[in-house]
PDB file of all heavy atoms in Angstrom:
ATOM      1  N   GLN A   1     -73.069 -22.155 -26.902  1.00  0.00           N
ATOM      2  CA  GLN A   1     -71.670 -21.737 -26.886  1.00  0.00           C
ATOM      3  C   GLN A   1     -71.374 -20.849 -28.082  1.00  0.00           C
ATOM      4  O   GLN A   1     -71.989 -20.964 -29.141  1.00  0.00           O
ATOM      5  CB  GLN A   1     -70.740 -22.945 -26.905  1.00  0.00           C
ATOM      6  CG  GLN A   1     -70.822 -23.788 -28.162  1.00  0.00           C
ATOM      7  CD  GLN A   1     -69.735 -24.853 -28.212  1.00  0.00           C
ATOM      8  OE1 GLN A   1     -68.553 -24.537 -28.332  1.00  0.00           O
ATOM      9  NE2 GLN A   1     -70.147 -26.103 -28.096  1.00  0.00           N
ATOM     10  N   VAL A   2     -70.420 -19.949 -27.900  1.00  0.00           N
ATOM     11  CA  VAL A   2     -69.963 -19.093 -28.984  1.00  0.00           C
ATOM     12  C   VAL A   2     -68.479 -18.839 -28.766  1.00  0.00           C
ATOM     13  O   VAL A   2     -68.012 -18.729 -27.624  1.00  0.00           O
ATOM     14  CB  VAL A   2     -70.753 -17.762 -29.043  1.00  0.00           C
ATOM     15  CG1 VAL A   2     -70.524 -16.925 -27.798  1.00  0.00           C
ATOM     16  CG2 VAL A   2     -70.416 -16.978 -30.301  1.00  0.00           C
ATOM     17  N   GLY A   3     -67.731 -18.794 -29.870  1.00  0.00           N
ATOM     18  CA  GLY A   3     -66.295 -18.611 -29.743  1.00  0.00           C
ATOM     19  C   GLY A   3     -65.694 -18.062 -31.021  1.00  0.00           C
ATOM     20  O   GLY A   3     -66.397 -17.772 -31.997  1.00  0.00           O
ATOM     21  N   TYR A   4     -64.384 -17.940 -31.012  1.00  0.00           N
ATOM     22  CA  TYR A   4     -63.671 -17.402 -32.168  1.00  0.00           C
ATOM     23  C   TYR A   4     -62.467 -18.285 -32.443  1.00  0.00           C
ATOM     24  O   TYR A   4     -61.806 -18.770 -31.509  1.00  0.00           O
ATOM     25  CB  TYR A   4     -63.216 -15.970 -31.907  1.00  0.00           C
ATOM     26  CG  TYR A   4     -62.894 -15.218 -33.176  1.00  0.00           C
ATOM     27  CD1 TYR A   4     -63.906 -14.755 -34.010  1.00  0.00           C
ATOM     28  CD2 TYR A   4     -61.577 -14.975 -33.548  1.00  0.00           C
ATOM     29  CE1 TYR A   4     -63.621 -14.074 -35.174  1.00  0.00           C
ATOM     30  CE2 TYR A   4     -61.277 -14.286 -34.709  1.00  0.00           C
ATOM     31  CZ  TYR A   4     -62.308 -13.842 -35.528  1.00  0.00           C
ATOM     32  OH  TYR A   4     -62.021 -13.174 -36.696  1.00  0.00           O
ATOM     33  N   SER A   5     -62.195 -18.502 -33.728  1.00  0.00           N
ATOM     34  CA  SER A   5     -61.124 -19.392 -34.153  1.00  0.00           C
ATOM     35  C   SER A   5     -60.129 -18.633 -35.016  1.00  0.00           C
ATOM     36  O   SER A   5     -60.498 -18.076 -36.057  1.00  0.00           O
ATOM     37  CB  SER A   5     -61.715 -20.575 -34.936  1.00  0.00           C
ATOM     38  OG  SER A   5     -60.706 -21.452 -35.382  1.00  0.00           O
ATOM     39  N   LEU A   6     -58.872 -18.608 -34.587  1.00  0.00           N
ATOM     40  CA  LEU A   6     -57.789 -17.998 -35.351  1.00  0.00           C
ATOM     41  C   LEU A   6     -57.102 -19.077 -36.166  1.00  0.00           C
ATOM     42  O   LEU A   6     -56.720 -20.123 -35.630  1.00  0.00           O
ATOM     43  CB  LEU A   6     -56.780 -17.325 -34.423  1.00  0.00           C
ATOM     44  CG  LEU A   6     -57.309 -16.213 -33.505  1.00  0.00           C
ATOM     45  CD1 LEU A   6     -56.214 -15.762 -32.541  1.00  0.00           C
ATOM     46  CD2 LEU A   6     -57.804 -15.030 -34.332  1.00  0.00           C
ATOM     47  N   ARG A   7     -56.922 -18.846 -37.474  1.00  0.00           N
ATOM     48  CA  ARG A   7     -56.323 -19.830 -38.360  1.00  0.00           C
ATOM     49  C   ARG A   7     -55.047 -19.274 -38.989  1.00  0.00           C
ATOM     50  O   ARG A   7     -54.966 -18.085 -39.294  1.00  0.00           O
ATOM     51  CB  ARG A   7     -57.297 -20.213 -39.478  1.00  0.00           C
ATOM     52  CG  ARG A   7     -58.468 -21.107 -38.995  1.00  0.00           C
ATOM     53  CD  ARG A   7     -59.675 -20.295 -38.539  1.00  0.00           C
ATOM     54  NE  ARG A   7     -60.765 -21.118 -38.027  1.00  0.00           N
ATOM     55  CZ  ARG A   7     -61.763 -21.573 -38.775  1.00  0.00           C
ATOM     56  NH1 ARG A   7     -61.825 -21.286 -40.054  1.00  0.00           N
ATOM     57  NH2 ARG A   7     -62.701 -22.334 -38.239  1.00  0.00           N
ATOM     58  N   THR A   8     -54.072 -20.123 -39.208  1.00  0.00           N
ATOM     59  CA  THR A   8     -52.814 -19.702 -39.806  1.00  0.00           C
ATOM     60  C   THR A   8     -52.912 -19.696 -41.332  1.00  0.00           C
ATOM     61  O   THR A   8     -53.865 -20.210 -41.925  1.00  0.00           O
ATOM     62  CB  THR A   8     -51.670 -20.630 -39.374  1.00  0.00           C
ATOM     63  OG1 THR A   8     -51.979 -21.977 -39.794  1.00  0.00           O
ATOM     64  CG2 THR A   8     -51.486 -20.605 -37.874  1.00  0.00           C
ATOM     65  N   GLY A   9     -51.895 -19.112 -41.965  1.00  0.00           N
ATOM     66  CA  GLY A   9     -51.853 -19.072 -43.422  1.00  0.00           C
ATOM     67  C   GLY A   9     -52.913 -18.153 -43.985  1.00  0.00           C
ATOM     68  O   GLY A   9     -53.246 -17.119 -43.408  1.00  0.00           O
ATOM     69  N   LEU A  10     -53.467 -18.547 -45.127  1.00  0.00           N
ATOM     70  CA  LEU A  10     -54.484 -17.742 -45.800  1.00  0.00           C
ATOM     71  C   LEU A  10     -55.907 -18.129 -45.424  1.00  0.00           C
ATOM     72  O   LEU A  10     -56.867 -17.614 -45.991  1.00  0.00           O
ATOM     73  CB  LEU A  10     -54.306 -17.858 -47.324  1.00  0.00           C
ATOM     74  CG  LEU A  10     -52.971 -17.355 -47.880  1.00  0.00           C
ATOM     75  CD1 LEU A  10     -52.899 -17.605 -49.374  1.00  0.00           C
ATOM     76  CD2 LEU A  10     -52.781 -15.884 -47.561  1.00  0.00           C
ATOM     77  N   VAL A  11     -56.054 -19.047 -44.471  1.00  0.00           N
ATOM     78  CA  VAL A  11     -57.387 -19.500 -44.063  1.00  0.00           C
ATOM     79  C   VAL A  11     -58.033 -18.429 -43.194  1.00  0.00           C
ATOM     80  O   VAL A  11     -57.448 -18.002 -42.185  1.00  0.00           O
ATOM     81  CB  VAL A  11     -57.307 -20.830 -43.300  1.00  0.00           C
ATOM     82  CG1 VAL A  11     -58.702 -21.300 -42.898  1.00  0.00           C
ATOM     83  CG2 VAL A  11     -56.618 -21.884 -44.149  1.00  0.00           C
ATOM     84  N   PRO A  12     -59.244 -17.946 -43.532  1.00  0.00           N
ATOM     85  CA  PRO A  12     -59.874 -16.873 -42.754  1.00  0.00           C
ATOM     86  C   PRO A  12     -60.200 -17.301 -41.321  1.00  0.00           C
ATOM     87  O   PRO A  12     -60.574 -18.456 -41.086  1.00  0.00           O
ATOM     88  CB  PRO A  12     -61.166 -16.573 -43.532  1.00  0.00           C
ATOM     89  CG  PRO A  12     -60.937 -17.119 -44.903  1.00  0.00           C
ATOM     90  CD  PRO A  12     -60.041 -18.309 -44.724  1.00  0.00           C
ATOM     91  N   ASN A  13     -60.046 -16.377 -40.388  1.00  0.00           N
ATOM     92  CA  ASN A  13     -60.536 -16.610 -39.030  1.00  0.00           C
ATOM     93  C   ASN A  13     -62.057 -16.691 -39.060  1.00  0.00           C
ATOM     94  O   ASN A  13     -62.705 -16.292 -40.031  1.00  0.00           O
ATOM     95  CB  ASN A  13     -60.088 -15.480 -38.110  1.00  0.00           C
ATOM     96  CG  ASN A  13     -58.580 -15.334 -38.056  1.00  0.00           C
ATOM     97  OD1 ASN A  13     -57.855 -16.306 -38.223  1.00  0.00           O
ATOM     98  ND2 ASN A  13     -58.110 -14.116 -37.850  1.00  0.00           N
ATOM     99  N   ALA A  14     -62.664 -17.197 -37.969  1.00  0.00           N
ATOM    100  CA  ALA A  14     -64.111 -17.394 -38.014  1.00  0.00           C
ATOM    101  C   ALA A  14     -64.748 -17.311 -36.633  1.00  0.00           C
ATOM    102  O   ALA A  14     -64.153 -17.701 -35.620  1.00  0.00           O
ATOM    103  CB  ALA A  14     -64.447 -18.750 -38.640  1.00  0.00           C
ATOM    104  N   LEU A  15     -65.977 -16.781 -36.617  1.00  0.00           N
ATOM    105  CA  LEU A  15     -66.858 -16.839 -35.454  1.00  0.00           C
ATOM    106  C   LEU A  15     -67.636 -18.148 -35.541  1.00  0.00           C
ATOM    107  O   LEU A  15     -68.199 -18.474 -36.584  1.00  0.00           O
ATOM    108  CB  LEU A  15     -67.815 -15.654 -35.467  1.00  0.00           C
ATOM    109  CG  LEU A  15     -68.823 -15.562 -34.322  1.00  0.00           C
ATOM    110  CD1 LEU A  15     -68.127 -15.218 -33.009  1.00  0.00           C
ATOM    111  CD2 LEU A  15     -69.899 -14.517 -34.640  1.00  0.00           C
ATOM    112  N   VAL A  16     -67.654 -18.907 -34.443  1.00  0.00           N
ATOM    113  CA  VAL A  16     -68.320 -20.211 -34.449  1.00  0.00           C
ATOM    114  C   VAL A  16     -69.244 -20.321 -33.239  1.00  0.00           C
ATOM    115  O   VAL A  16     -69.012 -19.686 -32.203  1.00  0.00           O
ATOM    116  CB  VAL A  16     -67.306 -21.376 -34.440  1.00  0.00           C
ATOM    117  CG1 VAL A  16     -66.502 -21.401 -35.742  1.00  0.00           C
ATOM    118  CG2 VAL A  16     -66.357 -21.260 -33.249  1.00  0.00           C
ATOM    119  N   GLY A  17     -70.285 -21.132 -33.359  1.00  0.00           N
ATOM    120  CA  GLY A  17     -71.208 -21.309 -32.246  1.00  0.00           C
ATOM    121  C   GLY A  17     -72.086 -22.522 -32.420  1.00  0.00           C
ATOM    122  O   GLY A  17     -72.167 -23.113 -33.510  1.00  0.00           O
ATOM    123  N   GLU A  18     -72.745 -22.885 -31.328  1.00  0.00           N
ATOM    124  CA  GLU A  18     -73.616 -24.056 -31.354  1.00  0.00           C
ATOM    125  C   GLU A  18     -74.648 -23.953 -30.233  1.00  0.00           C
ATOM    126  O   GLU A  18     -74.347 -23.429 -29.153  1.00  0.00           O
ATOM    127  CB  GLU A  18     -72.795 -25.338 -31.188  1.00  0.00           C
ATOM    128  CG  GLU A  18     -73.603 -26.624 -31.311  1.00  0.00           C
ATOM    129  CD  GLU A  18     -72.723 -27.860 -31.210  1.00  0.00           C
ATOM    130  OE1 GLU A  18     -71.934 -27.946 -30.242  1.00  0.00           O
ATOM    131  OE2 GLU A  18     -72.817 -28.731 -32.089  1.00  0.00           O
ATOM    132  N   ALA A  19     -75.851 -24.448 -30.486  1.00  0.00           N
ATOM    133  CA  ALA A  19     -76.892 -24.530 -29.459  1.00  0.00           C
ATOM    134  C   ALA A  19     -77.429 -25.958 -29.445  1.00  0.00           C
ATOM    135  O   ALA A  19     -77.589 -26.582 -30.500  1.00  0.00           O
ATOM    136  CB  ALA A  19     -78.018 -23.549 -29.747  1.00  0.00           C
ATOM    137  N   LYS A  20     -77.697 -26.477 -28.237  1.00  0.00           N
ATOM    138  CA  LYS A  20     -78.210 -27.842 -28.085  1.00  0.00           C
ATOM    139  C   LYS A  20     -79.394 -27.842 -27.133  1.00  0.00           C
ATOM    140  O   LYS A  20     -79.442 -27.074 -26.171  1.00  0.00           O
ATOM    141  CB  LYS A  20     -77.136 -28.776 -27.513  1.00  0.00           C
ATOM    142  CG  LYS A  20     -75.906 -28.955 -28.356  1.00  0.00           C
ATOM    143  CD  LYS A  20     -74.939 -29.901 -27.653  1.00  0.00           C
ATOM    144  CE  LYS A  20     -73.652 -30.081 -28.415  1.00  0.00           C
ATOM    145  NZ  LYS A  20     -72.713 -30.981 -27.722  1.00  0.00           N
ATOM    146  N   LEU A  21     -80.313 -28.734 -27.396  1.00  0.00           N
ATOM    147  CA  LEU A  21     -81.429 -28.997 -26.495  1.00  0.00           C
ATOM    148  C   LEU A  21     -81.603 -30.504 -26.436  1.00  0.00           C
ATOM    149  O   LEU A  21     -81.642 -31.172 -27.476  1.00  0.00           O
ATOM    150  CB  LEU A  21     -82.709 -28.342 -27.012  1.00  0.00           C
ATOM    151  CG  LEU A  21     -83.961 -28.506 -26.141  1.00  0.00           C
ATOM    152  CD1 LEU A  21     -83.769 -27.835 -24.790  1.00  0.00           C
ATOM    153  CD2 LEU A  21     -85.184 -27.943 -26.855  1.00  0.00           C
ATOM    154  N   GLY A  22     -81.668 -31.055 -25.206  1.00  0.00           N
ATOM    155  CA  GLY A  22     -81.731 -32.503 -25.134  1.00  0.00           C
ATOM    156  C   GLY A  22     -82.199 -33.040 -23.803  1.00  0.00           C
ATOM    157  O   GLY A  22     -82.656 -32.290 -22.917  1.00  0.00           O
ATOM    158  N   TYR A  23     -82.046 -34.341 -23.661  1.00  0.00           N
ATOM    159  CA  TYR A  23     -82.441 -35.063 -22.448  1.00  0.00           C
ATOM    160  C   TYR A  23     -81.318 -36.022 -22.078  1.00  0.00           C
ATOM    161  O   TYR A  23     -80.833 -36.800 -22.917  1.00  0.00           O
ATOM    162  CB  TYR A  23     -83.731 -35.835 -22.667  1.00  0.00           C
ATOM    163  CG  TYR A  23     -84.055 -36.810 -21.557  1.00  0.00           C
ATOM    164  CD1 TYR A  23     -84.591 -36.365 -20.348  1.00  0.00           C
ATOM    165  CD2 TYR A  23     -83.809 -38.167 -21.703  1.00  0.00           C
ATOM    166  CE1 TYR A  23     -84.862 -37.245 -19.317  1.00  0.00           C
ATOM    167  CE2 TYR A  23     -84.084 -39.063 -20.688  1.00  0.00           C
ATOM    168  CZ  TYR A  23     -84.613 -38.597 -19.485  1.00  0.00           C
ATOM    169  OH  TYR A  23     -84.878 -39.472 -18.464  1.00  0.00           O
ATOM    170  N   ALA A  24     -80.872 -35.968 -20.828  1.00  0.00           N
ATOM    171  CA  ALA A  24     -79.831 -36.857 -20.317  1.00  0.00           C
ATOM    172  C   ALA A  24     -80.407 -37.651 -19.156  1.00  0.00           C
ATOM    173  O   ALA A  24     -80.554 -37.122 -18.045  1.00  0.00           O
ATOM    174  CB  ALA A  24     -78.611 -36.061 -19.882  1.00  0.00           C
ATOM    175  N   GLY A  25     -80.764 -38.900 -19.414  1.00  0.00           N
ATOM    176  CA  GLY A  25     -81.325 -39.768 -18.388  1.00  0.00           C
ATOM    177  C   GLY A  25     -80.383 -40.910 -18.076  1.00  0.00           C
ATOM    178  O   GLY A  25     -79.317 -41.052 -18.685  1.00  0.00           O
ATOM    179  N   PRO A  26     -80.757 -41.767 -17.142  1.00  0.00           N
ATOM    180  CA  PRO A  26     -79.874 -42.871 -16.741  1.00  0.00           C
ATOM    181  C   PRO A  26     -79.672 -43.909 -17.841  1.00  0.00           C
ATOM    182  O   PRO A  26     -78.652 -44.583 -17.875  1.00  0.00           O
ATOM    183  CB  PRO A  26     -80.597 -43.479 -15.530  1.00  0.00           C
ATOM    184  CG  PRO A  26     -82.025 -43.039 -15.682  1.00  0.00           C
ATOM    185  CD  PRO A  26     -81.983 -41.706 -16.332  1.00  0.00           C
ATOM    186  N   LYS A  27     -80.620 -44.033 -18.766  1.00  0.00           N
ATOM    187  CA  LYS A  27     -80.516 -45.049 -19.821  1.00  0.00           C
ATOM    188  C   LYS A  27     -80.506 -44.473 -21.226  1.00  0.00           C
ATOM    189  O   LYS A  27     -80.235 -45.198 -22.189  1.00  0.00           O
ATOM    190  CB  LYS A  27     -81.688 -46.032 -19.703  1.00  0.00           C
ATOM    191  CG  LYS A  27     -81.679 -46.882 -18.448  1.00  0.00           C
ATOM    192  CD  LYS A  27     -80.489 -47.845 -18.452  1.00  0.00           C
ATOM    193  CE  LYS A  27     -80.531 -48.782 -17.255  1.00  0.00           C
ATOM    194  NZ  LYS A  27     -79.372 -49.716 -17.245  1.00  0.00           N
ATOM    195  N   THR A  28     -80.776 -43.183 -21.356  1.00  0.00           N
ATOM    196  CA  THR A  28     -80.899 -42.596 -22.690  1.00  0.00           C
ATOM    197  C   THR A  28     -80.363 -41.172 -22.698  1.00  0.00           C
ATOM    198  O   THR A  28     -80.579 -40.411 -21.752  1.00  0.00           O
ATOM    199  CB  THR A  28     -82.373 -42.568 -23.143  1.00  0.00           C
ATOM    200  OG1 THR A  28     -82.904 -43.890 -23.098  1.00  0.00           O
ATOM    201  CG2 THR A  28     -82.485 -42.054 -24.578  1.00  0.00           C
ATOM    202  N   TYR A  29     -79.657 -40.847 -23.772  1.00  0.00           N
ATOM    203  CA  TYR A  29     -79.201 -39.475 -24.006  1.00  0.00           C
ATOM    204  C   TYR A  29     -79.637 -39.080 -25.414  1.00  0.00           C
ATOM    205  O   TYR A  29     -79.319 -39.769 -26.394  1.00  0.00           O
ATOM    206  CB  TYR A  29     -77.682 -39.380 -23.875  1.00  0.00           C
ATOM    207  CG  TYR A  29     -77.129 -37.992 -24.157  1.00  0.00           C
ATOM    208  CD1 TYR A  29     -76.915 -37.089 -23.119  1.00  0.00           C
ATOM    209  CD2 TYR A  29     -76.818 -37.591 -25.457  1.00  0.00           C
ATOM    210  CE1 TYR A  29     -76.404 -35.820 -23.364  1.00  0.00           C
ATOM    211  CE2 TYR A  29     -76.313 -36.326 -25.711  1.00  0.00           C
ATOM    212  CZ  TYR A  29     -76.103 -35.451 -24.665  1.00  0.00           C
ATOM    213  OH  TYR A  29     -75.610 -34.202 -24.904  1.00  0.00           O
TER     214      TYR A  29
END
């Protein structure tokens, strides 16, 4: 995922992102 965050006041806006790799099974994630 990748996105953009707008912040109020003097806080800088930012580009944000995340990548995940995993396993989703019936008993374990």
